[in-house]
Amino acid sequence: MAKKKNLTFEDSLAELEQIVSRLEQGDIPLEESLQAFEHGVNLTRTCQKALREAEQKVHILTEQNDHQSLEPFTDE
């Protein structure tokens, strides 16, 4: 398994799903299973980090909106 850098969240999730499917089939050698599992754990961490970052951005954006005051609209 070649390591890919800068995978998108969607790519990481798709690759993780493929790994899970292969492991569930149970027809790969033990050593390869362990490598796939380790790679899956790393992909899971990558996905969790991306989700935390997205959640933090949403939180910051919604918090900023809560502190903004509305100004009256004038059609000049």
N, C-alpha and C. Protein backbone atom coordinates (compact mmCIF):
# COMPACT_ATOMS: atom_id res chain seq x y z
N MET A 1 0.82 -1.18 0.00
CA MET A 1 0.00 0.00 0.00
C MET A 1 0.87 1.24 0.00
N ALA A 2 0.80 1.99 -1.08
CA ALA A 2 1.56 3.23 -1.15
C ALA A 2 0.84 4.31 -0.35
N LYS A 3 1.62 5.09 0.37
CA LYS A 3 1.02 6.17 1.15
C LYS A 3 0.79 7.35 0.23
N LYS A 4 -0.40 7.90 0.31
CA LYS A 4 -0.75 9.07 -0.48
C LYS A 4 -0.83 10.26 0.46
N LYS A 5 -0.31 11.38 0.02
CA LYS A 5 -0.36 12.58 0.85
C LYS A 5 -1.50 13.46 0.39
N ASN A 6 -2.02 14.23 1.33
CA ASN A 6 -3.04 15.23 1.06
C ASN A 6 -4.30 14.66 0.41
N LEU A 7 -4.77 13.54 0.90
CA LEU A 7 -6.04 13.00 0.43
C LEU A 7 -7.17 13.87 0.95
N THR A 8 -8.20 14.01 0.15
CA THR A 8 -9.37 14.72 0.64
C THR A 8 -10.09 13.84 1.65
N PHE A 9 -10.99 14.44 2.40
CA PHE A 9 -11.78 13.68 3.36
C PHE A 9 -12.52 12.56 2.63
N GLU A 10 -13.12 12.90 1.50
CA GLU A 10 -13.90 11.91 0.75
C GLU A 10 -13.03 10.77 0.24
N ASP A 11 -11.81 11.10 -0.25
CA ASP A 11 -10.90 10.06 -0.72
C ASP A 11 -10.45 9.15 0.43
N SER A 12 -10.16 9.76 1.57
CA SER A 12 -9.74 8.99 2.74
C SER A 12 -10.85 8.05 3.19
N LEU A 13 -12.07 8.56 3.21
CA LEU A 13 -13.21 7.75 3.63
C LEU A 13 -13.45 6.60 2.66
N ALA A 14 -13.36 6.87 1.37
CA ALA A 14 -13.55 5.82 0.36
C ALA A 14 -12.48 4.74 0.50
N GLU A 15 -11.25 5.16 0.71
CA GLU A 15 -10.16 4.19 0.88
C GLU A 15 -10.37 3.37 2.16
N LEU A 16 -10.82 4.02 3.21
CA LEU A 16 -11.10 3.33 4.47
C LEU A 16 -12.21 2.28 4.26
N GLU A 17 -13.23 2.64 3.52
CA GLU A 17 -14.31 1.69 3.24
C GLU A 17 -13.80 0.48 2.45
N GLN A 18 -12.88 0.70 1.52
CA GLN A 18 -12.29 -0.41 0.77
C GLN A 18 -11.48 -1.33 1.68
N ILE A 19 -10.74 -0.75 2.59
CA ILE A 19 -9.94 -1.54 3.53
C ILE A 19 -10.85 -2.38 4.40
N VAL A 20 -11.90 -1.78 4.93
CA VAL A 20 -12.84 -2.52 5.78
C VAL A 20 -13.45 -3.68 5.01
N SER A 21 -13.82 -3.43 3.78
CA SER A 21 -14.42 -4.48 2.95
C SER A 21 -13.44 -5.64 2.74
N ARG A 22 -12.18 -5.30 2.44
CA ARG A 22 -11.17 -6.35 2.25
C ARG A 22 -10.94 -7.15 3.53
N LEU A 23 -10.88 -6.45 4.66
CA LEU A 23 -10.65 -7.14 5.93
C LEU A 23 -11.84 -8.03 6.29
N GLU A 24 -13.05 -7.57 5.99
CA GLU A 24 -14.24 -8.36 6.29
C GLU A 24 -14.30 -9.63 5.46
N GLN A 25 -13.74 -9.60 4.26
CA GLN A 25 -13.73 -10.79 3.42
C GLN A 25 -12.85 -11.88 4.01
N GLY A 26 -11.79 -11.45 4.71
CA GLY A 26 -10.94 -12.40 5.42
C GLY A 26 -10.06 -13.28 4.56
N ASP A 27 -9.85 -12.90 3.30
CA ASP A 27 -9.05 -13.76 2.43
C ASP A 27 -7.67 -13.18 2.10
N ILE A 28 -7.18 -12.28 2.95
CA ILE A 28 -5.83 -11.76 2.74
C ILE A 28 -4.93 -12.27 3.86
N PRO A 29 -3.65 -12.43 3.58
CA PRO A 29 -2.71 -12.95 4.58
C PRO A 29 -2.65 -12.06 5.81
N LEU A 30 -2.25 -12.64 6.91
CA LEU A 30 -2.19 -11.95 8.19
C LEU A 30 -1.35 -10.68 8.12
N GLU A 31 -0.15 -10.78 7.57
CA GLU A 31 0.74 -9.61 7.50
C GLU A 31 0.09 -8.48 6.70
N GLU A 32 -0.52 -8.81 5.60
CA GLU A 32 -1.20 -7.81 4.78
C GLU A 32 -2.42 -7.25 5.52
N SER A 33 -3.09 -8.09 6.28
CA SER A 33 -4.23 -7.63 7.09
C SER A 33 -3.78 -6.61 8.13
N LEU A 34 -2.66 -6.89 8.77
CA LEU A 34 -2.13 -5.97 9.78
C LEU A 34 -1.73 -4.62 9.16
N GLN A 35 -1.11 -4.68 7.98
CA GLN A 35 -0.73 -3.45 7.30
C GLN A 35 -1.98 -2.66 6.90
N ALA A 36 -2.98 -3.36 6.39
CA ALA A 36 -4.22 -2.70 6.00
C ALA A 36 -4.91 -2.08 7.21
N PHE A 37 -4.92 -2.82 8.32
CA PHE A 37 -5.52 -2.31 9.55
C PHE A 37 -4.81 -1.04 10.02
N GLU A 38 -3.47 -1.08 10.01
CA GLU A 38 -2.69 0.09 10.43
C GLU A 38 -2.99 1.29 9.53
N HIS A 39 -3.05 1.05 8.24
CA HIS A 39 -3.36 2.13 7.30
C HIS A 39 -4.78 2.65 7.56
N GLY A 40 -5.70 1.74 7.86
CA GLY A 40 -7.06 2.13 8.17
C GLY A 40 -7.15 3.00 9.41
N VAL A 41 -6.36 2.68 10.42
CA VAL A 41 -6.33 3.49 11.64
C VAL A 41 -5.82 4.89 11.31
N ASN A 42 -4.78 4.98 10.48
CA ASN A 42 -4.26 6.29 10.09
C ASN A 42 -5.29 7.08 9.29
N LEU A 43 -6.01 6.41 8.40
CA LEU A 43 -7.05 7.09 7.63
C LEU A 43 -8.17 7.58 8.55
N THR A 44 -8.51 6.77 9.54
CA THR A 44 -9.54 7.16 10.50
C THR A 44 -9.12 8.42 11.24
N ARG A 45 -7.88 8.46 11.66
CA ARG A 45 -7.37 9.66 12.36
C ARG A 45 -7.42 10.88 11.44
N THR A 46 -7.05 10.69 10.18
CA THR A 46 -7.11 11.79 9.21
C THR A 46 -8.53 12.30 9.05
N CYS A 47 -9.49 11.38 8.95
CA CYS A 47 -10.90 11.76 8.80
C CYS A 47 -11.40 12.47 10.06
N GLN A 48 -11.05 11.96 11.21
CA GLN A 48 -11.47 12.59 12.46
C GLN A 48 -10.91 14.00 12.58
N LYS A 49 -9.67 14.18 12.19
CA LYS A 49 -9.04 15.51 12.25
C LYS A 49 -9.77 16.47 11.30
N ALA A 50 -10.07 16.01 10.09
CA ALA A 50 -10.77 16.86 9.13
C ALA A 50 -12.15 17.24 9.65
N LEU A 51 -12.84 16.30 10.28
CA LEU A 51 -14.16 16.60 10.84
C LEU A 51 -14.07 17.59 12.00
N ARG A 52 -13.07 17.43 12.87
CA ARG A 52 -12.89 18.37 13.98
C ARG A 52 -12.60 19.78 13.46
N GLU A 53 -11.76 19.86 12.43
CA GLU A 53 -11.44 21.17 11.86
C GLU A 53 -12.67 21.81 11.22
N ALA A 54 -13.46 21.02 10.51
CA ALA A 54 -14.68 21.54 9.89
C ALA A 54 -15.66 22.00 10.97
N GLU A 55 -15.80 21.21 12.01
CA GLU A 55 -16.70 21.57 13.11
C GLU A 55 -16.24 22.87 13.78
N GLN A 56 -14.94 23.02 13.95
CA GLN A 56 -14.41 24.23 14.57
C GLN A 56 -14.67 25.44 13.68
N LYS A 57 -14.51 25.29 12.37
CA LYS A 57 -14.78 26.40 11.45
C LYS A 57 -16.25 26.80 11.51
N VAL A 58 -17.14 25.81 11.52
CA VAL A 58 -18.57 26.09 11.61
C VAL A 58 -18.88 26.81 12.91
N HIS A 59 -18.29 26.35 13.99
CA HIS A 59 -18.50 26.97 15.30
C HIS A 59 -18.05 28.44 15.27
N ILE A 60 -16.88 28.68 14.72
CA ILE A 60 -16.35 30.05 14.65
C ILE A 60 -17.26 30.92 13.80
N LEU A 61 -17.69 30.41 12.66
CA LEU A 61 -18.54 31.20 11.78
C LEU A 61 -19.89 31.50 12.41
N THR A 62 -20.49 30.53 13.07
CA THR A 62 -21.79 30.77 13.68
C THR A 62 -21.66 31.68 14.90
N GLU A 63 -20.55 31.57 15.61
CA GLU A 63 -20.32 32.44 16.76
C GLU A 63 -20.14 33.88 16.30
N GLN A 64 -19.44 34.08 15.20
CA GLN A 64 -19.25 35.43 14.66
C GLN A 64 -20.59 36.03 14.25
N ASN A 65 -21.45 35.22 13.67
CA ASN A 65 -22.76 35.71 13.25
C ASN A 65 -23.61 36.10 14.44
N ASP A 66 -23.46 35.43 15.56
CA ASP A 66 -24.23 35.74 16.76
C ASP A 66 -23.85 37.10 17.33
N HIS A 67 -22.64 37.55 17.06
CA HIS A 67 -22.16 38.80 17.64
C HIS A 67 -22.31 39.99 16.69
N GLN A 68 -22.80 39.76 15.51
CA GLN A 68 -22.97 40.86 14.57
C GLN A 68 -24.32 41.53 14.80
N SER A 69 -24.32 42.82 14.67
CA SER A 69 -25.58 43.53 14.80
C SER A 69 -26.12 43.87 13.41
N LEU A 70 -27.40 43.88 13.30
CA LEU A 70 -28.04 44.20 12.04
C LEU A 70 -28.13 45.70 11.87
N GLU A 71 -27.87 46.14 10.66
CA GLU A 71 -27.99 47.56 10.36
C GLU A 71 -29.22 47.76 9.47
N PRO A 72 -29.93 48.85 9.68
CA PRO A 72 -31.10 49.09 8.86
C PRO A 72 -30.73 49.27 7.40
N PHE A 73 -31.54 48.75 6.54
CA PHE A 73 -31.31 48.85 5.11
C PHE A 73 -31.94 50.14 4.61
N THR A 74 -31.16 50.90 3.90
CA THR A 74 -31.69 52.12 3.28
C THR A 74 -31.48 52.03 1.78
N ASP A 75 -32.52 52.27 1.06
CA ASP A 75 -32.47 52.20 -0.40
C ASP A 75 -32.25 53.60 -0.93
N GLU A 76 -31.01 53.97 -1.13
CA GLU A 76 -30.70 55.33 -1.58
C GLU A 76 -30.28 55.35 -3.00
